[in-house]
């Protein structure tokens, strides 16, 4: 009788753990699919931004707004006095 109760208890515990693990794996699958969707959306947005604002248009815009490139011969590093 004692072994029957122990086996039933183990069976119930196994069932509860199985239900929990199925629920966790379902949540994990949802999160992974959501992550894939967000990555795809991010790549699409990045491609669209790069299509509209590429290097040539950014350079021409910067030059039209009066941007002057850095003269690296005039740049010096300042050493800390500590």
Protein backbone atom coordinates (compact mmCIF):
# COMPACT_ATOMS: atom_id res chain seq x y z
CA UNK A 1 0.00 0.00 0.00
CA UNK A 2 2.82 2.34 0.90
CA UNK A 3 4.54 1.75 -2.46
CA UNK A 4 1.31 2.39 -4.32
CA UNK A 5 0.90 5.79 -2.64
CA UNK A 6 4.53 6.70 -3.32
CA UNK A 7 4.20 5.71 -6.97
CA UNK A 8 0.97 7.74 -7.31
CA UNK A 9 2.65 10.73 -5.68
CA UNK A 10 5.61 10.43 -8.05
CA UNK A 11 3.23 10.10 -10.99
CA UNK A 12 1.36 13.26 -9.97
CA UNK A 13 4.63 15.14 -9.42
CA UNK A 14 5.89 14.00 -12.82
CA UNK A 15 2.65 15.17 -14.45
CA UNK A 16 2.91 18.59 -12.77
CA UNK A 17 6.54 18.98 -13.82
CA UNK A 18 5.70 17.94 -17.38
CA UNK A 19 2.91 20.51 -17.56
CA UNK A 20 5.27 23.18 -16.22
CA UNK A 21 8.05 22.30 -18.68
CA UNK A 22 5.61 22.34 -21.62
CA UNK A 23 4.40 25.77 -20.53
CA UNK A 24 7.98 27.07 -20.23
CA UNK A 25 8.94 25.67 -23.63
CA UNK A 26 5.86 27.28 -25.19
CA UNK A 27 6.85 30.64 -23.67
CA UNK A 28 10.40 30.17 -24.95
CA UNK A 29 9.14 29.41 -28.46
CA UNK A 30 6.98 32.56 -28.40
CA UNK A 31 9.93 34.69 -27.29
CA UNK A 32 12.20 33.22 -29.97
CA UNK A 33 9.66 33.85 -32.71
CA UNK A 34 9.12 37.41 -31.43
CA UNK A 35 12.88 37.96 -31.44
CA UNK A 36 13.13 36.72 -35.04
CA UNK A 37 10.30 39.06 -36.10
CA UNK A 38 11.98 42.01 -34.40
CA UNK A 39 15.35 41.20 -35.98
CA UNK A 40 13.74 41.00 -39.40
CA UNK A 41 11.93 44.29 -38.81
CA UNK A 42 15.17 45.89 -37.67
CA UNK A 43 17.00 44.72 -40.79
CA UNK A 44 14.23 46.00 -43.04
CA UNK A 45 14.30 49.41 -41.32
CA UNK A 46 18.09 49.54 -41.50
CA UNK A 47 18.02 48.75 -45.23
CA UNK A 48 15.37 51.40 -45.81
CA UNK A 49 17.35 54.03 -43.91
CA UNK A 50 20.53 53.15 -45.79
CA UNK A 51 18.61 53.36 -49.07
CA UNK A 52 17.35 56.86 -48.30
CA UNK A 53 20.42 58.20 -46.52
CA UNK A 54 23.56 56.78 -48.03
CA UNK A 55 27.08 58.20 -47.89
CA UNK A 56 26.76 60.34 -51.00
CA UNK A 57 23.57 62.08 -49.89
CA UNK A 58 24.91 62.59 -46.37
CA UNK A 59 28.16 64.05 -47.73
CA UNK A 60 26.37 66.39 -50.13
CA UNK A 61 23.99 67.51 -47.36
CA UNK A 62 26.88 68.15 -44.98
CA UNK A 63 28.77 70.14 -47.58
CA UNK A 64 25.69 72.17 -48.46
CA UNK A 65 25.20 73.03 -44.77
CA UNK A 66 28.75 74.34 -44.47
CA UNK A 67 30.49 71.36 -42.88
CA UNK A 68 34.26 71.53 -43.13
CA UNK A 69 36.30 68.38 -42.59
CA UNK A 70 38.76 68.14 -39.70
CA UNK A 71 42.34 69.15 -40.45
CA UNK A 72 44.20 66.40 -38.60
CA UNK A 73 47.47 68.32 -38.66
CA UNK A 74 45.92 70.86 -36.28
CA UNK A 75 44.64 68.23 -33.80
CA UNK A 76 46.75 67.66 -30.70
CA UNK A 77 46.27 65.44 -27.69
CA UNK A 78 46.17 67.18 -24.32
CA UNK A 79 48.03 65.36 -21.58
CA UNK A 80 46.59 65.38 -18.07
CA UNK A 81 48.68 67.28 -15.50
CA UNK A 82 48.08 64.77 -12.69
